[in-house]
Amino acid sequence: MEALIIIAHGSKVKSSNDEIVDIVSKIKNSVDNELLVFHAFLELTEPSVFVAINKAIANNCKKIKLFPYFLAAGKHVQEDIPCEIKKFKKLYPEIEFILLPHIGKCNGIENMIISNL
């Protein structure tokens, strides 16, 4: 079993967090049952990255991919998320943790922007 965790910043504004929940719901509906999809927030709301990773582990996921839902590689992308992953790699060396590129580094991001003009 594999997991995908979408990691967003988190907000005090509920509707902002709800956007992430909605996106994750759409992703869940478009992938097969062999991929479990979770959402997590770094700050201001739950579930945390810690909680989401533990859910994936509880579901017997042996490969966990983490997608930073951030446009640019700021402190959260460069330091905070890798630090969380490093902690889990030490605790669970049998599990493969893969940090995916953040949104701004995704192939085709420029085409997506242009297609919305």
Protein backbone atom coordinates (compact mmCIF):
# COMPACT_ATOMS: atom_id res chain seq x y z
CA MET A 1 0.00 0.00 0.00
CA GLU A 2 1.17 3.52 -0.82
CA ALA A 3 0.15 6.92 0.48
CA LEU A 4 0.17 10.44 -0.88
CA ILE A 5 0.08 13.28 1.64
CA ILE A 6 -0.72 16.75 0.34
CA ILE A 7 0.90 19.25 2.73
CA ALA A 8 -0.43 22.81 2.80
CA HIS A 9 0.44 25.70 5.05
CA GLY A 10 -2.81 25.94 6.99
CA SER A 11 -4.86 29.02 7.72
CA LYS A 12 -7.04 30.60 10.38
CA VAL A 13 -9.60 30.99 7.59
CA LYS A 14 -11.69 27.82 7.40
CA SER A 15 -12.59 28.28 3.72
CA SER A 16 -8.89 28.31 2.83
CA ASN A 17 -8.34 24.98 4.58
CA ASP A 18 -11.52 23.62 3.01
CA GLU A 19 -10.02 24.22 -0.44
CA ILE A 20 -7.25 21.76 0.39
CA VAL A 21 -9.75 19.22 1.72
CA ASP A 22 -11.75 19.56 -1.51
CA ILE A 23 -8.67 19.12 -3.72
CA VAL A 24 -7.63 16.02 -1.77
CA SER A 25 -11.15 14.63 -2.09
CA LYS A 26 -10.99 15.06 -5.88
CA ILE A 27 -7.60 13.37 -5.99
CA LYS A 28 -8.93 10.46 -3.89
CA ASN A 29 -11.78 10.01 -6.37
CA SER A 30 -9.42 9.93 -9.35
CA VAL A 31 -6.87 7.36 -8.12
CA ASP A 32 -7.18 3.64 -7.52
CA ASN A 33 -7.65 2.10 -4.10
CA GLU A 34 -3.98 1.15 -3.87
CA LEU A 35 -3.08 4.78 -3.16
CA LEU A 36 -4.35 6.32 0.07
CA VAL A 37 -4.53 10.11 -0.08
CA PHE A 38 -4.37 12.35 2.98
CA HIS A 39 -4.09 16.07 3.64
CA ALA A 40 -1.97 17.76 6.29
CA PHE A 41 -1.20 21.28 7.43
CA LEU A 42 2.04 22.72 8.78
CA GLU A 43 0.46 25.39 10.94
CA LEU A 44 -2.73 26.81 12.40
CA THR A 45 -5.01 23.80 11.90
CA GLU A 46 -5.18 20.02 11.92
CA PRO A 47 -4.36 17.41 10.85
CA SER A 48 -0.64 17.98 11.21
CA VAL A 49 2.00 16.30 9.08
CA PHE A 50 2.76 14.10 12.09
CA VAL A 51 -0.87 12.94 12.28
CA ALA A 52 -1.15 12.32 8.52
CA ILE A 53 2.05 10.28 8.36
CA ASN A 54 0.93 8.22 11.35
CA LYS A 55 -2.41 7.54 9.60
CA ALA A 56 -0.55 6.28 6.55
CA ILE A 57 1.65 4.06 8.70
CA ALA A 58 -1.41 2.75 10.57
CA ASN A 59 -2.84 1.78 7.17
CA ASN A 60 0.27 -0.31 6.49
CA CYS A 61 1.70 2.01 3.82
CA LYS A 62 5.27 1.07 2.94
CA LYS A 63 5.81 4.01 0.58
CA ILE A 64 4.70 7.51 1.56
CA LYS A 65 4.95 10.36 -0.94
CA LEU A 66 4.69 13.89 0.40
CA PHE A 67 3.61 16.73 -1.89
CA PRO A 68 4.27 20.28 -0.64
CA TYR A 69 1.32 22.40 -1.76
CA PHE A 70 3.49 25.52 -1.95
CA LEU A 71 4.30 27.72 -4.93
CA ALA A 72 7.86 28.58 -3.93
CA ALA A 73 10.67 26.91 -2.02
CA GLY A 74 10.58 28.93 1.17
CA LYS A 75 11.49 27.79 4.67
CA HIS A 76 8.62 25.30 4.91
CA VAL A 77 9.64 23.53 1.70
CA GLN A 78 13.38 23.69 2.27
CA GLU A 79 13.55 23.02 6.00
CA ASP A 80 10.35 22.22 7.86
CA ILE A 81 8.92 19.44 5.70
CA PRO A 82 12.30 17.69 5.16
CA CYS A 83 12.89 17.86 8.93
CA GLU A 84 9.59 16.05 9.60
CA ILE A 85 10.44 13.40 7.03
CA LYS A 86 13.91 12.91 8.52
CA LYS A 87 12.37 12.17 11.95
CA PHE A 88 10.08 9.52 10.50
CA LYS A 89 12.85 7.94 8.42
CA LYS A 90 14.78 7.33 11.65
CA LEU A 91 11.74 5.83 13.38
CA TYR A 92 10.61 3.75 10.39
CA PRO A 93 13.63 2.81 8.24
CA GLU A 94 11.56 0.11 6.50
CA ILE A 95 9.20 2.72 5.05
CA GLU A 96 10.15 4.66 1.93
CA PHE A 97 9.47 8.38 2.29
CA ILE A 98 9.58 10.41 -0.93
CA LEU A 99 9.47 14.21 -0.96
CA LEU A 100 7.92 15.33 -4.23
CA PRO A 101 8.61 18.72 -5.85
CA HIS A 102 6.50 21.63 -4.64
CA ILE A 103 3.92 23.13 -7.02
CA GLY A 104 6.27 25.77 -8.41
CA LYS A 105 8.69 23.06 -9.57
CA CYS A 106 6.08 20.78 -11.12
CA ASN A 107 6.42 20.07 -14.82
CA GLY A 108 3.88 22.04 -16.80
CA ILE A 109 3.11 24.69 -14.17
CA GLU A 110 3.72 27.39 -16.77
CA ASN A 111 1.26 25.73 -19.17
CA MET A 112 -1.36 25.50 -16.43
CA ILE A 113 -1.01 29.22 -15.75
CA ILE A 114 -1.18 30.11 -19.46
CA SER A 115 -4.21 27.85 -19.96
CA ASN A 116 -6.15 29.95 -17.45
CA LEU A 117 -5.68 33.24 -19.32
